[in-house]
N, C-alpha and C. Protein backbone atom coordinates (compact mmCIF):
# COMPACT_ATOMS: atom_id res chain seq x y z
N MET A 1 1.29 -1.04 -0.23
CA MET A 1 0.11 0.10 -0.25
C MET A 1 0.78 1.36 -0.01
N LYS A 2 0.57 2.33 -1.00
CA LYS A 2 1.23 3.40 -0.79
C LYS A 2 1.09 4.06 0.46
N TRP A 3 2.02 5.05 0.90
CA TRP A 3 1.92 5.26 2.34
C TRP A 3 0.98 6.46 2.00
N TYR A 4 0.34 7.30 1.20
CA TYR A 4 -0.70 8.64 1.00
C TYR A 4 -2.05 7.50 1.37
N ASN A 5 -2.32 6.29 0.81
CA ASN A 5 -3.36 5.33 0.90
C ASN A 5 -3.41 5.40 2.69
N SER A 6 -2.54 4.49 3.09
CA SER A 6 -2.53 3.89 4.45
C SER A 6 -2.46 5.43 5.58
N LEU A 7 -2.24 6.78 4.96
CA LEU A 7 -2.87 7.78 5.87
C LEU A 7 -4.23 8.50 5.70
N VAL A 8 -4.57 8.15 4.52
CA VAL A 8 -6.27 8.32 4.25
C VAL A 8 -6.58 7.23 5.38
N LEU A 9 -6.60 5.96 5.08
CA LEU A 9 -7.09 4.83 5.22
C LEU A 9 -7.29 5.29 7.27
N SER A 10 -5.95 5.73 7.62
CA SER A 10 -5.35 6.03 9.11
C SER A 10 -6.63 6.92 9.68
N ILE A 11 -7.12 7.91 8.83
CA ILE A 11 -7.77 9.34 9.27
C ILE A 11 -9.19 9.06 9.24
N ILE A 12 -9.18 7.97 8.14
CA ILE A 12 -11.00 7.23 7.88
C ILE A 12 -11.40 6.84 8.87
N CYS A 13 -10.64 5.53 8.91
CA CYS A 13 -10.65 4.17 9.93
C CYS A 13 -9.73 3.81 10.68
N PRO A 14 -8.94 4.54 11.52
CA PRO A 14 -7.86 3.59 12.00
C PRO A 14 -7.40 2.27 12.25
N PRO A 15 -8.38 1.32 12.37
CA PRO A 15 -8.19 0.02 13.15
C PRO A 15 -8.25 -0.44 11.37
N ALA A 16 -9.17 -0.20 10.57
CA ALA A 16 -8.75 -1.00 9.35
C ALA A 16 -7.27 -0.38 8.62
N ALA A 17 -6.25 0.65 9.13
CA ALA A 17 -5.02 0.75 8.40
C ALA A 17 -4.28 -0.07 9.27
N VAL A 18 -4.47 -0.25 10.54
CA VAL A 18 -3.42 -1.21 11.56
C VAL A 18 -4.12 -2.83 10.68
N TYR A 19 -4.70 -3.14 10.91
CA TYR A 19 -5.57 -4.51 10.08
C TYR A 19 -4.88 -4.57 8.72
N CYS A 20 -4.65 -3.58 8.22
CA CYS A 20 -3.80 -3.46 6.39
C CYS A 20 -2.49 -3.53 6.72
N ARG A 21 -1.66 -3.10 7.56
CA ARG A 21 -0.61 -3.20 7.91
C ARG A 21 0.11 -4.41 8.83
N CYS A 22 -0.67 -4.76 9.81
CA CYS A 22 -0.04 -6.07 10.70
C CYS A 22 -1.03 -7.15 11.25
N GLY A 23 -2.09 -7.33 10.51
CA GLY A 23 -2.98 -8.20 10.68
C GLY A 23 -3.62 -8.27 11.99
N VAL A 24 -4.40 -9.63 12.34
CA VAL A 24 -5.15 -9.60 13.66
C VAL A 24 -3.83 -9.48 14.41
N CYS A 25 -3.62 -8.77 15.51
CA CYS A 25 -2.74 -8.99 16.41
C CYS A 25 -3.13 -7.95 17.66
N ALA A 26 -2.19 -7.96 18.54
CA ALA A 26 -2.44 -7.15 19.67
C ALA A 26 -1.85 -5.88 19.29
N ASP A 27 -1.42 -5.03 18.54
CA ASP A 27 -1.84 -3.62 17.84
C ASP A 27 -3.50 -3.54 16.97
N PHE A 28 -3.80 -4.39 16.91
CA PHE A 28 -4.98 -4.65 16.03
C PHE A 28 -5.85 -4.53 16.93
N ILE A 29 -5.81 -4.91 18.15
CA ILE A 29 -6.72 -4.83 19.42
C ILE A 29 -6.89 -3.45 20.06
N ALA A 30 -5.43 -3.59 20.05
CA ALA A 30 -5.18 -1.99 21.37
C ALA A 30 -5.70 -0.70 20.75
N ASN A 31 -5.45 -1.08 18.70
CA ASN A 31 -6.52 0.39 18.28
C ASN A 31 -7.75 0.47 18.13
N ILE A 32 -8.17 -0.86 18.20
CA ILE A 32 -9.93 -0.61 18.40
C ILE A 32 -10.36 -0.18 19.98
N CYS A 33 -9.77 -0.41 20.68
CA CYS A 33 -10.06 -0.04 21.65
C CYS A 33 -9.30 1.28 21.77
N LEU A 34 -8.67 1.88 21.75
CA LEU A 34 -8.54 3.64 21.80
C LEU A 34 -9.46 4.47 20.55
N THR A 35 -9.72 3.39 19.68
CA THR A 35 -10.96 4.33 18.79
C THR A 35 -12.36 4.22 19.69
N LEU A 36 -12.52 2.81 20.21
CA LEU A 36 -13.51 3.32 20.84
C LEU A 36 -14.18 3.92 22.06
N LEU A 37 -12.78 3.92 22.67
CA LEU A 37 -12.43 5.31 23.60
C LEU A 37 -12.32 6.66 23.49
N CYS A 38 -11.90 7.10 22.48
CA CYS A 38 -12.15 8.43 21.54
C CYS A 38 -10.98 8.29 20.60
N TYR A 39 -11.74 8.48 19.26
CA TYR A 39 -10.91 8.48 18.43
C TYR A 39 -9.67 8.98 17.99
N PHE A 40 -9.28 10.31 18.63
CA PHE A 40 -8.24 10.72 18.36
C PHE A 40 -6.35 10.10 19.51
N PRO A 41 -6.35 8.90 20.07
CA PRO A 41 -5.86 8.06 20.61
C PRO A 41 -5.52 6.86 19.52
N GLY A 42 -6.67 6.35 18.92
CA GLY A 42 -6.66 5.35 18.27
C GLY A 42 -5.89 5.78 16.71
N LEU A 43 -6.32 7.20 16.11
CA LEU A 43 -5.72 7.81 15.13
C LEU A 43 -4.14 8.12 15.53
N PHE A 44 -3.57 8.51 16.48
CA PHE A 44 -2.03 8.37 17.06
C PHE A 44 -1.70 7.20 16.83
N HIS A 45 -2.04 6.74 17.25
CA HIS A 45 -2.08 4.63 17.53
C HIS A 45 -1.21 4.70 16.10
N ALA A 46 -2.54 4.36 15.26
CA ALA A 46 -2.34 4.03 13.72
C ALA A 46 -1.71 5.06 12.60
N VAL A 47 -1.03 6.33 13.08
CA VAL A 47 -0.08 6.61 12.02
C VAL A 47 1.16 5.92 12.82
N ILE A 48 1.60 6.20 13.80
CA ILE A 48 2.58 5.60 14.64
C ILE A 48 2.46 4.09 14.03
N THR A 49 1.97 2.92 14.36
CA THR A 49 2.08 1.89 14.09
C THR A 49 2.28 1.74 12.20
N VAL A 50 1.55 2.45 11.09
CA VAL A 50 1.56 2.16 9.97
C VAL A 50 3.02 2.68 9.51
N PHE A 51 3.49 3.89 10.08
CA PHE A 51 4.58 4.90 9.37
C PHE A 51 5.39 4.42 10.53
């Protein structure tokens, strides 16, 4: 996946970007929890994980 596609996917749906990068793993589960808690921690975690 190109970096700009990953960035757009991270902004739209952070868990989907982490899933595309890592699959189902601890980072994916953590990102779902962070996104449900509040959107911005999930977004920050997705950007850090993807890049």
